[in-house]
Amino acid sequence: MNKKDLRSKYKALRQQLSAEAIEDKSLAIANRMLSLDIWEKTYFHLFLTIEEQKEVDTEFILQILAGKDKEIVVSKSDFETREMTHYLLTDNTKFRKNEYNIFEPVDGLEVPVSKIDVVFVPLLAFDKNGNRVGYGKGFYDNFLAKCREDVIKIGLSFFEPEESIDDIFETDIRLDYCVTPFGISNF
C-alpha cells in the first residue's frame, strides 16, 4: 500500500478507538517499552500527544522517564521551515497549543540534536522493515537526519505492522524499534 492510502486507513482506524481503548493501549505500549535496552541512555526526545489525532498517549512514557531521572527533550515546530527546535523539559517549562493543536514549549533551555540518545517517533503506520508513515510534512525525517548515527529511533503504534510500504523515499529514515500493545518489532 502507498503512504497516502495508509494515512487514510490508519486515521480512520484511530478514529474508531474510544478514549478508554487509547488509554489501555498507551499503557500497554509504555509497559512493553520497559523491556527495551535503552535505559542506560540519558537524553530522551518525546513527542507530546495530539489528542485530536487520537495519538498514543505519551504521558505514561513521560512518567517512566521522569521516574528514571532521564533528561526529557520536547520540541517546537516551525511550519515554514519544517524544522524543530528542541528544549529540555523542566518544572518551569510553559506550554501552549499551536494552530495544529500540538502542545509546544514556549521557550526554555535549548538542547542540541547531538545530545539526544533516544527519539520516540510518532507515526500512523509502519511496516516489517522499519519504514514509517507519518503525517507527510517531513518534520521527523528532517530531525532524524540531523541526529547522531547511533540515535535509537522508537516508533509507537496502536496497530501491528503492514507487510510493506510501497513508496519509500531515500530521505525516509527507518526505525530501530516499534512498540505496539502486542509486542516490539526490532529492525
Protein backbone atom coordinates (compact mmCIF):
# COMPACT_ATOMS: atom_id res chain seq x y z
CA MET A 1 0.00 0.00 0.00
CA ASN A 2 1.22 3.54 -0.63
CA LYS A 3 1.62 6.22 2.04
CA LYS A 4 -1.48 8.19 1.04
CA ASP A 5 -3.73 5.12 1.35
CA LEU A 6 -2.06 4.08 4.60
CA ARG A 7 -2.62 7.55 6.07
CA SER A 8 -6.32 7.34 5.26
CA LYS A 9 -6.63 3.78 6.57
CA TYR A 10 -4.90 4.42 9.91
CA LYS A 11 -6.53 7.79 10.56
CA ALA A 12 -9.89 6.03 10.15
CA LEU A 13 -8.82 3.14 12.40
CA ARG A 14 -7.69 5.59 15.09
CA GLN A 15 -10.98 7.48 14.95
CA GLN A 16 -12.76 4.25 15.89
CA LEU A 17 -10.78 3.98 19.15
CA SER A 18 -12.56 5.01 22.33
CA ALA A 19 -10.80 7.12 24.97
CA GLU A 20 -10.64 4.01 27.17
CA ALA A 21 -9.05 1.94 24.38
CA ILE A 22 -6.45 4.66 23.75
CA GLU A 23 -5.58 4.77 27.45
CA ASP A 24 -5.35 0.96 27.74
CA LYS A 25 -3.26 0.58 24.58
CA SER A 26 -0.99 3.51 25.52
CA LEU A 27 -0.35 1.97 28.94
CA ALA A 28 0.41 -1.40 27.33
CA ILE A 29 2.91 0.31 24.99
CA ALA A 30 4.62 2.06 27.93
CA ASN A 31 4.86 -1.22 29.85
CA ARG A 32 6.31 -3.09 26.83
CA MET A 33 8.85 -0.35 26.35
CA LEU A 34 10.37 -1.18 29.75
CA SER A 35 11.98 -4.30 28.24
CA LEU A 36 13.97 -2.30 25.66
CA ASP A 37 17.72 -1.99 26.20
CA ILE A 38 17.71 1.82 26.31
CA TRP A 39 17.72 2.71 29.99
CA GLU A 40 21.44 3.47 30.30
CA LYS A 41 20.88 6.41 27.91
CA THR A 42 20.40 9.97 29.20
CA TYR A 43 18.59 12.24 26.71
CA PHE A 44 15.16 11.07 25.53
CA HIS A 45 13.18 13.02 22.94
CA LEU A 46 9.42 12.59 23.43
CA PHE A 47 6.57 13.86 21.30
CA LEU A 48 3.57 15.31 23.12
CA THR A 49 0.27 13.69 22.20
CA ILE A 50 -2.16 15.39 19.82
CA GLU A 51 -5.41 14.22 21.39
CA GLU A 52 -7.49 15.30 18.39
CA GLN A 53 -5.46 12.89 16.21
CA LYS A 54 -6.01 10.08 18.75
CA GLU A 55 -2.27 9.51 19.04
CA VAL A 56 -0.57 7.22 21.54
CA ASP A 57 -0.79 8.95 24.93
CA THR A 58 2.86 9.60 25.84
CA GLU A 59 2.02 10.70 29.40
CA PHE A 60 2.80 7.15 30.66
CA ILE A 61 6.22 7.21 28.96
CA LEU A 62 6.84 10.68 30.37
CA GLN A 63 6.19 9.35 33.88
CA ILE A 64 8.57 6.41 33.33
CA LEU A 65 11.31 8.73 32.06
CA ALA A 66 10.84 11.13 34.96
CA GLY A 67 10.85 8.22 37.42
CA LYS A 68 14.16 7.03 35.98
CA ASP A 69 15.64 10.58 36.24
CA LYS A 70 16.15 10.88 32.48
CA GLU A 71 16.61 14.18 30.66
CA ILE A 72 13.42 14.68 28.64
CA VAL A 73 13.51 16.74 25.45
CA VAL A 74 10.41 18.19 23.78
CA SER A 75 10.13 20.15 20.55
CA LYS A 76 8.61 23.19 18.97
CA SER A 77 7.85 23.06 15.23
CA ASP A 78 8.37 25.76 12.63
CA PHE A 79 5.82 25.04 9.90
CA GLU A 80 7.51 27.34 7.38
CA THR A 81 10.93 25.66 7.52
CA ARG A 82 9.67 22.25 8.72
CA GLU A 83 12.39 22.33 11.36
CA MET A 84 12.05 21.56 15.06
CA THR A 85 13.77 23.27 17.98
CA HIS A 86 14.37 21.04 21.00
CA TYR A 87 14.03 22.06 24.64
CA LEU A 88 14.82 20.41 27.95
CA LEU A 89 11.63 19.68 29.88
CA THR A 90 11.85 21.22 33.36
CA ASP A 91 9.42 22.12 36.13
CA ASN A 92 9.40 25.66 34.72
CA THR A 93 8.60 24.72 31.11
CA LYS A 94 5.48 26.52 29.92
CA PHE A 95 3.42 25.09 27.07
CA ARG A 96 0.85 26.39 24.66
CA LYS A 97 -1.10 24.75 21.85
CA ASN A 98 -0.16 25.82 18.34
CA GLU A 99 -2.65 26.16 15.48
CA TYR A 100 -2.37 22.38 14.83
CA ASN A 101 -3.36 21.53 18.44
CA ILE A 102 0.20 20.46 19.28
CA PHE A 103 1.39 21.34 22.79
CA GLU A 104 4.76 23.05 22.44
CA PRO A 105 7.21 24.62 24.87
CA VAL A 106 7.07 28.41 24.75
CA ASP A 107 10.83 28.64 25.34
CA GLY A 108 13.48 27.19 27.62
CA LEU A 109 16.89 25.61 27.60
CA GLU A 110 17.65 24.55 24.03
CA VAL A 111 19.16 21.07 23.58
CA PRO A 112 21.44 20.41 20.59
CA VAL A 113 20.40 17.45 18.44
CA SER A 114 23.83 15.88 19.04
CA LYS A 115 22.95 15.29 22.71
CA ILE A 116 19.80 13.24 22.02
CA ASP A 117 20.22 9.48 22.59
CA VAL A 118 16.68 8.12 22.04
CA VAL A 119 13.80 9.50 19.95
CA PHE A 120 10.21 8.33 20.34
CA VAL A 121 8.71 8.80 16.89
CA PRO A 122 5.02 9.45 16.19
CA LEU A 123 3.54 7.59 13.23
CA LEU A 124 0.33 6.49 11.59
CA ALA A 125 1.62 3.17 10.23
CA PHE A 126 4.83 1.17 9.89
CA ASP A 127 5.99 -1.90 8.02
CA LYS A 128 8.01 -5.02 8.82
CA ASN A 129 11.18 -3.31 7.53
CA GLY A 130 11.02 -0.38 9.97
CA ASN A 131 9.67 2.16 7.48
CA ARG A 132 7.02 4.52 8.80
CA VAL A 133 4.23 6.71 7.57
CA GLY A 134 3.79 9.99 9.40
CA TYR A 135 1.54 12.92 8.61
CA GLY A 136 3.57 13.73 5.50
CA LYS A 137 5.19 17.02 6.48
CA GLY A 138 8.71 15.60 6.90
CA PHE A 139 9.42 17.06 10.35
CA TYR A 140 10.73 13.82 11.83
CA ASP A 141 12.72 12.78 8.76
CA ASN A 142 14.40 16.22 8.80
CA PHE A 143 15.06 15.96 12.54
CA LEU A 144 16.29 12.35 12.47
CA ALA A 145 18.64 13.11 9.56
CA LYS A 146 20.45 15.58 11.86
CA CYS A 147 20.70 13.18 14.80
CA ARG A 148 23.80 11.15 15.60
CA GLU A 149 24.13 7.91 13.64
CA ASP A 150 23.69 5.87 16.84
CA VAL A 151 20.48 7.59 17.99
CA ILE A 152 17.82 4.99 18.82
CA LYS A 153 14.56 5.58 16.92
CA ILE A 154 11.46 4.04 18.51
CA GLY A 155 8.06 4.24 16.83
CA LEU A 156 4.86 3.95 18.88
CA SER A 157 1.79 2.42 17.27
CA PHE A 158 -1.61 1.10 18.33
CA PHE A 159 -1.53 -1.30 15.37
CA GLU A 160 0.56 -4.16 14.00
CA PRO A 161 2.93 -3.58 11.04
CA GLU A 162 1.93 -3.62 7.40
CA GLU A 163 3.82 -6.08 5.20
CA SER A 164 5.49 -3.20 3.32
CA ILE A 165 5.08 0.44 2.33
CA ASP A 166 5.29 0.85 -1.44
CA ASP A 167 6.55 4.40 -1.90
CA ILE A 168 9.60 4.74 0.35
CA PHE A 169 11.98 7.62 -0.43
CA GLU A 170 15.75 7.90 0.07
CA THR A 171 15.13 10.62 2.67
CA ASP A 172 12.82 8.40 4.75
CA ILE A 173 14.55 7.32 7.94
CA ARG A 174 13.85 3.84 9.26
CA LEU A 175 13.02 2.99 12.85
CA ASP A 176 15.15 0.79 15.08
CA TYR A 177 12.11 -0.46 17.02
CA CYS A 178 8.36 -0.05 17.02
CA VAL A 179 6.39 -0.71 20.19
CA THR A 180 2.74 -1.73 19.99
CA PRO A 181 0.34 -3.02 22.68
CA PHE A 182 1.07 -6.51 21.29
CA GLY A 183 4.87 -6.52 21.21
CA ILE A 184 8.08 -4.95 19.99
CA SER A 185 9.32 -5.06 16.40
CA ASN A 186 13.10 -4.87 16.10
CA PHE A 187 14.58 -3.74 12.79
